[in-house]
PDB file of N, CA and C in Angstrom:
ATOM      1  N   MET A   1      74.752  17.299 -39.648  1.00  0.00           N
ATOM      2  CA  MET A   1      75.119  16.262 -38.717  1.00  0.00           C
ATOM      3  C   MET A   1      76.483  16.545 -38.108  1.00  0.00           C
ATOM      4  N   ALA A   2      76.906  17.765 -38.208  1.00  0.00           N
ATOM      5  CA  ALA A   2      78.151  18.201 -37.589  1.00  0.00           C
ATOM      6  C   ALA A   2      79.337  17.385 -38.079  1.00  0.00           C
ATOM      7  N   THR A   3      79.389  17.133 -39.366  1.00  0.00           N
ATOM      8  CA  THR A   3      80.457  16.299 -39.907  1.00  0.00           C
ATOM      9  C   THR A   3      81.419  17.061 -40.794  1.00  0.00           C
ATOM     10  N   VAL A   4      81.104  18.284 -41.184  1.00  0.00           N
ATOM     11  CA  VAL A   4      81.968  19.039 -42.088  1.00  0.00           C
ATOM     12  C   VAL A   4      82.361  20.373 -41.460  1.00  0.00           C
ATOM     13  N   LYS A   5      83.465  20.924 -41.951  1.00  0.00           N
ATOM     14  CA  LYS A   5      83.888  22.256 -41.523  1.00  0.00           C
ATOM     15  C   LYS A   5      83.021  23.282 -42.235  1.00  0.00           C
ATOM     16  N   CYS A   6      82.610  24.290 -41.524  1.00  0.00           N
ATOM     17  CA  CYS A   6      81.765  25.327 -42.085  1.00  0.00           C
ATOM     18  C   CYS A   6      82.576  26.222 -43.019  1.00  0.00           C
ATOM     19  N   ALA A   7      82.046  26.496 -44.208  1.00  0.00           N
ATOM     20  CA  ALA A   7      82.712  27.382 -45.163  1.00  0.00           C
ATOM     21  C   ALA A   7      82.767  28.817 -44.649  1.00  0.00           C
ATOM     22  N   LEU A   8      81.876  29.156 -43.727  1.00  0.00           N
ATOM     23  CA  LEU A   8      81.837  30.510 -43.177  1.00  0.00           C
ATOM     24  C   LEU A   8      82.616  30.638 -41.875  1.00  0.00           C
ATOM     25  N   LYS A   9      83.327  29.580 -41.500  1.00  0.00           N
ATOM     26  CA  LYS A   9      84.194  29.527 -40.306  1.00  0.00           C
ATOM     27  C   LYS A   9      83.441  29.387 -38.990  1.00  0.00           C
ATOM     28  N   LYS A  10      82.151  29.663 -38.953  1.00  0.00           N
ATOM     29  CA  LYS A  10      81.383  29.513 -37.724  1.00  0.00           C
ATOM     30  C   LYS A  10      80.016  28.947 -38.067  1.00  0.00           C
ATOM     31  N   ARG A  11      79.704  27.797 -37.477  1.00  0.00           N
ATOM     32  CA  ARG A  11      78.432  27.146 -37.760  1.00  0.00           C
ATOM     33  C   ARG A  11      77.263  27.945 -37.191  1.00  0.00           C
ATOM     34  N   GLY A  12      76.119  27.791 -37.814  1.00  0.00           N
ATOM     35  CA  GLY A  12      74.903  28.427 -37.323  1.00  0.00           C
ATOM     36  C   GLY A  12      74.349  27.649 -36.132  1.00  0.00           C
ATOM     37  N   GLU A  13      73.141  27.978 -35.745  1.00  0.00           N
ATOM     38  CA  GLU A  13      72.504  27.344 -34.592  1.00  0.00           C
ATOM     39  C   GLU A  13      72.249  25.859 -34.869  1.00  0.00           C
ATOM     40  N   PRO A  14      72.633  24.980 -33.947  1.00  0.00           N
ATOM     41  CA  PRO A  14      72.378  23.544 -34.149  1.00  0.00           C
ATOM     42  C   PRO A  14      70.907  23.204 -33.909  1.00  0.00           C
ATOM     43  N   THR A  15      70.449  22.172 -34.605  1.00  0.00           N
ATOM     44  CA  THR A  15      69.074  21.740 -34.444  1.00  0.00           C
ATOM     45  C   THR A  15      69.002  20.217 -34.467  1.00  0.00           C
ATOM     46  N   HIS A  16      68.253  19.654 -33.513  1.00  0.00           N
ATOM     47  CA  HIS A  16      68.068  18.204 -33.436  1.00  0.00           C
ATOM     48  C   HIS A  16      66.887  17.860 -34.327  1.00  0.00           C
ATOM     49  N   GLU A  17      67.100  17.016 -35.327  1.00  0.00           N
ATOM     50  CA  GLU A  17      66.033  16.697 -36.263  1.00  0.00           C
ATOM     51  C   GLU A  17      65.460  15.304 -36.084  1.00  0.00           C
ATOM     52  N   TRP A  18      66.299  14.304 -35.863  1.00  0.00           N
ATOM     53  CA  TRP A  18      65.791  12.946 -35.695  1.00  0.00           C
ATOM     54  C   TRP A  18      66.853  12.079 -35.034  1.00  0.00           C
ATOM     55  N   ASN A  19      66.436  10.880 -34.625  1.00  0.00           N
ATOM     56  CA  ASN A  19      67.316   9.934 -33.958  1.00  0.00           C
ATOM     57  C   ASN A  19      67.222   8.617 -34.709  1.00  0.00           C
ATOM     58  N   ASP A  20      68.371   8.015 -34.992  1.00  0.00           N
ATOM     59  CA  ASP A  20      68.363   6.764 -35.760  1.00  0.00           C
ATOM     60  C   ASP A  20      68.331   5.528 -34.866  1.00  0.00           C
ATOM     61  N   GLY A  21      68.056   5.715 -33.588  1.00  0.00           N
ATOM     62  CA  GLY A  21      68.026   4.604 -32.649  1.00  0.00           C
ATOM     63  C   GLY A  21      69.347   4.429 -31.925  1.00  0.00           C
ATOM     64  N   VAL A  22      70.401   5.040 -32.441  1.00  0.00           N
ATOM     65  CA  VAL A  22      71.719   4.965 -31.822  1.00  0.00           C
ATOM     66  C   VAL A  22      72.187   6.346 -31.387  1.00  0.00           C
ATOM     67  N   LYS A  23      72.035   7.312 -32.282  1.00  0.00           N
ATOM     68  CA  LYS A  23      72.488   8.659 -31.937  1.00  0.00           C
ATOM     69  C   LYS A  23      71.570   9.706 -32.549  1.00  0.00           C
ATOM     70  N   ASP A  24      71.627  10.898 -31.967  1.00  0.00           N
ATOM     71  CA  ASP A  24      70.839  12.016 -32.469  1.00  0.00           C
ATOM     72  C   ASP A  24      71.473  12.539 -33.750  1.00  0.00           C
ATOM     73  N   ARG A  25      70.647  12.974 -34.661  1.00  0.00           N
ATOM     74  CA  ARG A  25      71.104  13.575 -35.903  1.00  0.00           C
ATOM     75  C   ARG A  25      70.936  15.080 -35.770  1.00  0.00           C
ATOM     76  N   ILE A  26      72.066  15.777 -35.710  1.00  0.00           N
ATOM     77  CA  ILE A  26      72.100  17.214 -35.490  1.00  0.00           C
ATOM     78  C   ILE A  26      72.467  17.907 -36.799  1.00  0.00           C
ATOM     79  N   TYR A  27      71.738  18.931 -37.141  1.00  0.00           N
ATOM     80  CA  TYR A  27      71.984  19.707 -38.352  1.00  0.00           C
ATOM     81  C   TYR A  27      72.203  21.166 -37.981  1.00  0.00           C
ATOM     82  N   CYS A  28      72.593  21.956 -38.960  1.00  0.00           N
ATOM     83  CA  CYS A  28      72.866  23.378 -38.764  1.00  0.00           C
ATOM     84  C   CYS A  28      71.769  24.195 -39.447  1.00  0.00           C
ATOM     85  N   ARG A  29      71.276  25.199 -38.753  1.00  0.00           N
ATOM     86  CA  ARG A  29      70.259  26.065 -39.372  1.00  0.00           C
ATOM     87  C   ARG A  29      70.872  27.056 -40.342  1.00  0.00           C
ATOM     88  N   GLY A  30      72.177  27.223 -40.285  1.00  0.00           N
ATOM     89  CA  GLY A  30      72.871  28.108 -41.222  1.00  0.00           C
ATOM     90  C   GLY A  30      72.722  29.575 -40.862  1.00  0.00           C
ATOM     91  N   TRP A  31      73.142  30.397 -41.795  1.00  0.00           N
ATOM     92  CA  TRP A  31      73.102  31.843 -41.617  1.00  0.00           C
ATOM     93  C   TRP A  31      72.196  32.461 -42.668  1.00  0.00           C
ATOM     94  N   LEU A  32      71.558  33.571 -42.311  1.00  0.00           N
ATOM     95  CA  LEU A  32      70.655  34.265 -43.226  1.00  0.00           C
ATOM     96  C   LEU A  32      71.304  35.518 -43.782  1.00  0.00           C
ATOM     97  N   ASP A  33      70.973  35.820 -45.037  1.00  0.00           N
ATOM     98  CA  ASP A  33      71.384  37.073 -45.659  1.00  0.00           C
ATOM     99  C   ASP A  33      70.529  38.176 -45.032  1.00  0.00           C
ATOM    100  N   PRO A  34      71.146  39.175 -44.393  1.00  0.00           N
ATOM    101  CA  PRO A  34      70.344  40.204 -43.710  1.00  0.00           C
ATOM    102  C   PRO A  34      69.507  41.059 -44.657  1.00  0.00           C
ATOM    103  N   MET A  35      69.861  41.103 -45.936  1.00  0.00           N
ATOM    104  CA  MET A  35      69.098  41.912 -46.890  1.00  0.00           C
ATOM    105  C   MET A  35      67.829  41.198 -47.365  1.00  0.00           C
ATOM    106  N   THR A  36      67.902  39.860 -47.489  1.00  0.00           N
ATOM    107  CA  THR A  36      66.774  39.120 -48.065  1.00  0.00           C
ATOM    108  C   THR A  36      66.125  38.142 -47.093  1.00  0.00           C
ATOM    109  N   ASP A  37      66.751  37.894 -45.966  1.00  0.00           N
ATOM    110  CA  ASP A  37      66.295  36.896 -44.990  1.00  0.00           C
ATOM    111  C   ASP A  37      66.243  35.486 -45.579  1.00  0.00           C
ATOM    112  N   ALA A  38      67.009  35.246 -46.615  1.00  0.00           N
ATOM    113  CA  ALA A  38      67.121  33.921 -47.221  1.00  0.00           C
ATOM    114  C   ALA A  38      68.442  33.287 -46.757  1.00  0.00           C
ATOM    115  N   PRO A  39      68.510  31.966 -46.669  1.00  0.00           N
ATOM    116  CA  PRO A  39      69.772  31.328 -46.281  1.00  0.00           C
ATOM    117  C   PRO A  39      70.881  31.646 -47.292  1.00  0.00           C
ATOM    118  N   LEU A  40      72.089  31.771 -46.786  1.00  0.00           N
ATOM    119  CA  LEU A  40      73.235  32.034 -47.662  1.00  0.00           C
ATOM    120  C   LEU A  40      73.484  30.835 -48.569  1.00  0.00           C
ATOM    121  N   PRO A  41      73.960  31.062 -49.794  1.00  0.00           N
ATOM    122  CA  PRO A  41      74.225  29.953 -50.719  1.00  0.00           C
ATOM    123  C   PRO A  41      75.225  28.942 -50.164  1.00  0.00           C
ATOM    124  N   GLU A  42      76.208  29.427 -49.405  1.00  0.00           N
ATOM    125  CA  GLU A  42      77.186  28.522 -48.805  1.00  0.00           C
ATOM    126  C   GLU A  42      76.505  27.557 -47.834  1.00  0.00           C
ATOM    127  N   CYS A  43      75.505  28.051 -47.126  1.00  0.00           N
ATOM    128  CA  CYS A  43      74.780  27.212 -46.173  1.00  0.00           C
ATOM    129  C   CYS A  43      73.908  26.189 -46.902  1.00  0.00           C
ATOM    130  N   LEU A  44      73.240  26.611 -47.951  1.00  0.00           N
ATOM    131  CA  LEU A  44      72.382  25.695 -48.695  1.00  0.00           C
ATOM    132  C   LEU A  44      73.181  24.579 -49.358  1.00  0.00           C
ATOM    133  N   ALA A  45      74.440  24.846 -49.706  1.00  0.00           N
ATOM    134  CA  ALA A  45      75.287  23.846 -50.346  1.00  0.00           C
ATOM    135  C   ALA A  45      75.882  22.860 -49.338  1.00  0.00           C
ATOM    136  N   CYS A  46      75.848  23.196 -48.064  1.00  0.00           N
ATOM    137  CA  CYS A  46      76.463  22.366 -47.024  1.00  0.00           C
ATOM    138  C   CYS A  46      75.627  21.105 -46.758  1.00  0.00           C
ATOM    139  N   PRO A  47      76.271  19.932 -46.659  1.00  0.00           N
ATOM    140  CA  PRO A  47      75.516  18.704 -46.371  1.00  0.00           C
ATOM    141  C   PRO A  47      74.933  18.663 -44.954  1.00  0.00           C
ATOM    142  N   ASP A  48      75.388  19.526 -44.070  1.00  0.00           N
ATOM    143  CA  ASP A  48      74.878  19.568 -42.701  1.00  0.00           C
ATOM    144  C   ASP A  48      73.722  20.541 -42.526  1.00  0.00           C
ATOM    145  N   HIS A  49      73.312  21.236 -43.592  1.00  0.00           N
ATOM    146  CA  HIS A  49      72.211  22.203 -43.467  1.00  0.00           C
ATOM    147  C   HIS A  49      70.907  21.467 -43.197  1.00  0.00           C
ATOM    148  N   VAL A  50      70.052  22.074 -42.414  1.00  0.00           N
ATOM    149  CA  VAL A  50      68.808  21.458 -41.969  1.00  0.00           C
ATOM    150  C   VAL A  50      67.911  21.052 -43.151  1.00  0.00           C
ATOM    151  N   ASP A  51      68.054  21.674 -44.295  1.00  0.00           N
ATOM    152  CA  ASP A  51      67.254  21.296 -45.469  1.00  0.00           C
ATOM    153  C   ASP A  51      67.535  19.868 -45.932  1.00  0.00           C
ATOM    154  N   LYS A  52      68.688  19.325 -45.558  1.00  0.00           N
ATOM    155  CA  LYS A  52      69.052  17.966 -45.984  1.00  0.00           C
ATOM    156  C   LYS A  52      68.544  16.891 -45.025  1.00  0.00           C
ATOM    157  N   ALA A  53      67.968  17.278 -43.902  1.00  0.00           N
ATOM    158  CA  ALA A  53      67.558  16.325 -42.871  1.00  0.00           C
ATOM    159  C   ALA A  53      66.511  15.335 -43.378  1.00  0.00           C
ATOM    160  N   GLN A  54      65.504  15.810 -44.091  1.00  0.00           N
ATOM    161  CA  GLN A  54      64.457  14.911 -44.563  1.00  0.00           C
ATOM    162  C   GLN A  54      65.000  13.910 -45.581  1.00  0.00           C
ATOM    163  N   ASP A  55      65.904  14.356 -46.451  1.00  0.00           N
ATOM    164  CA  ASP A  55      66.520  13.442 -47.426  1.00  0.00           C
ATOM    165  C   ASP A  55      67.322  12.352 -46.711  1.00  0.00           C
ATOM    166  N   ASP A  56      68.066  12.742 -45.679  1.00  0.00           N
ATOM    167  CA  ASP A  56      68.841  11.766 -44.913  1.00  0.00           C
ATOM    168  C   ASP A  56      67.939  10.775 -44.188  1.00  0.00           C
ATOM    169  N   LEU A  57      66.834  11.266 -43.643  1.00  0.00           N
ATOM    170  CA  LEU A  57      65.891  10.402 -42.944  1.00  0.00           C
ATOM    171  C   LEU A  57      65.274   9.382 -43.909  1.00  0.00           C
ATOM    172  N   GLU A  58      64.872   9.833 -45.071  1.00  0.00           N
ATOM    173  CA  GLU A  58      64.290   8.925 -46.059  1.00  0.00           C
ATOM    174  C   GLU A  58      65.317   7.898 -46.536  1.00  0.00           C
ATOM    175  N   ALA A  59      66.565   8.321 -46.737  1.00  0.00           N
ATOM    176  CA  ALA A  59      67.618   7.391 -47.141  1.00  0.00           C
ATOM    177  C   ALA A  59      67.876   6.365 -46.041  1.00  0.00           C
ATOM    178  N   PHE A  60      67.816   6.794 -44.788  1.00  0.00           N
ATOM    179  CA  PHE A  60      68.008   5.887 -43.658  1.00  0.00           C
ATOM    180  C   PHE A  60      66.940   4.797 -43.665  1.00  0.00           C
ATOM    181  N   TYR A  61      65.681   5.167 -43.864  1.00  0.00           N
ATOM    182  CA  TYR A  61      64.603   4.174 -43.847  1.00  0.00           C
ATOM    183  C   TYR A  61      64.602   3.299 -45.096  1.00  0.00           C
ATOM    184  N   ARG A  62      65.116   3.792 -46.207  1.00  0.00           N
ATOM    185  CA  ARG A  62      65.236   2.943 -47.399  1.00  0.00           C
ATOM    186  C   ARG A  62      66.267   1.851 -47.195  1.00  0.00           C
ATOM    187  N   LYS A  63      67.330   2.146 -46.451  1.00  0.00           N
ATOM    188  CA  LYS A  63      68.402   1.173 -46.219  1.00  0.00           C
ATOM    189  C   LYS A  63      68.033   0.118 -45.193  1.00  0.00           C
ATOM    190  N   ARG A  64      67.134   0.454 -44.261  1.00  0.00           N
ATOM    191  CA  ARG A  64      66.767  -0.489 -43.194  1.00  0.00           C
ATOM    192  C   ARG A  64      65.949  -1.647 -43.745  1.00  0.00           C
ATOM    193  N   PRO A  65      66.288  -2.864 -43.355  1.00  0.00           N
ATOM    194  CA  PRO A  65      65.447  -3.994 -43.772  1.00  0.00           C
ATOM    195  C   PRO A  65      64.122  -3.964 -43.019  1.00  0.00           C
ATOM    196  N   GLU A  66      63.083  -4.364 -43.699  1.00  0.00           N
ATOM    197  CA  GLU A  66      61.757  -4.389 -43.060  1.00  0.00           C
ATOM    198  C   GLU A  66      61.655  -5.596 -42.155  1.00  0.00           C
ATOM    199  N   PRO A  67      61.012  -5.458 -40.991  1.00  0.00           N
ATOM    200  CA  PRO A  67      60.867  -6.585 -40.070  1.00  0.00           C
ATOM    201  C   PRO A  67      59.967  -7.671 -40.693  1.00  0.00           C
ATOM    202  N   ALA A  68      60.242  -8.909 -40.306  1.00  0.00           N
ATOM    203  CA  ALA A  68      59.441 -10.019 -40.813  1.00  0.00           C
ATOM    204  C   ALA A  68      58.027  -9.921 -40.262  1.00  0.00           C
ATOM    205  N   LYS A  69      57.063 -10.205 -41.104  1.00  0.00           N
ATOM    206  CA  LYS A  69      55.666 -10.149 -40.675  1.00  0.00           C
ATOM    207  C   LYS A  69      55.278 -11.444 -39.978  1.00  0.00           C
ATOM    208  N   LYS A  70      54.576 -11.309 -38.863  1.00  0.00           N
ATOM    209  CA  LYS A  70      54.092 -12.488 -38.133  1.00  0.00           C
ATOM    210  C   LYS A  70      52.727 -12.879 -38.670  1.00  0.00           C
ATOM    211  N   GLU A  71      52.517 -14.160 -38.818  1.00  0.00           N
ATOM    212  CA  GLU A  71      51.219 -14.617 -39.327  1.00  0.00           C
ATOM    213  C   GLU A  71      50.541 -15.496 -38.332  1.00  0.00           C
TER     214      GLU A  71
END
């Protein structure tokens, strides 16, 4: 969500994952290890990494009150 400084000094490619009704939630795709094509450990530990997007989305919907049902 572009809220922290990157441990690698340069953020990876930004990605739009979801919108909370007020603003877009942007995450970082991070950097890949060229030998293994796996994300770097520093990227996986970052709260802005795209892997955290689904957890943030679920937490957002858990916090929202449910609308009243019409009968």
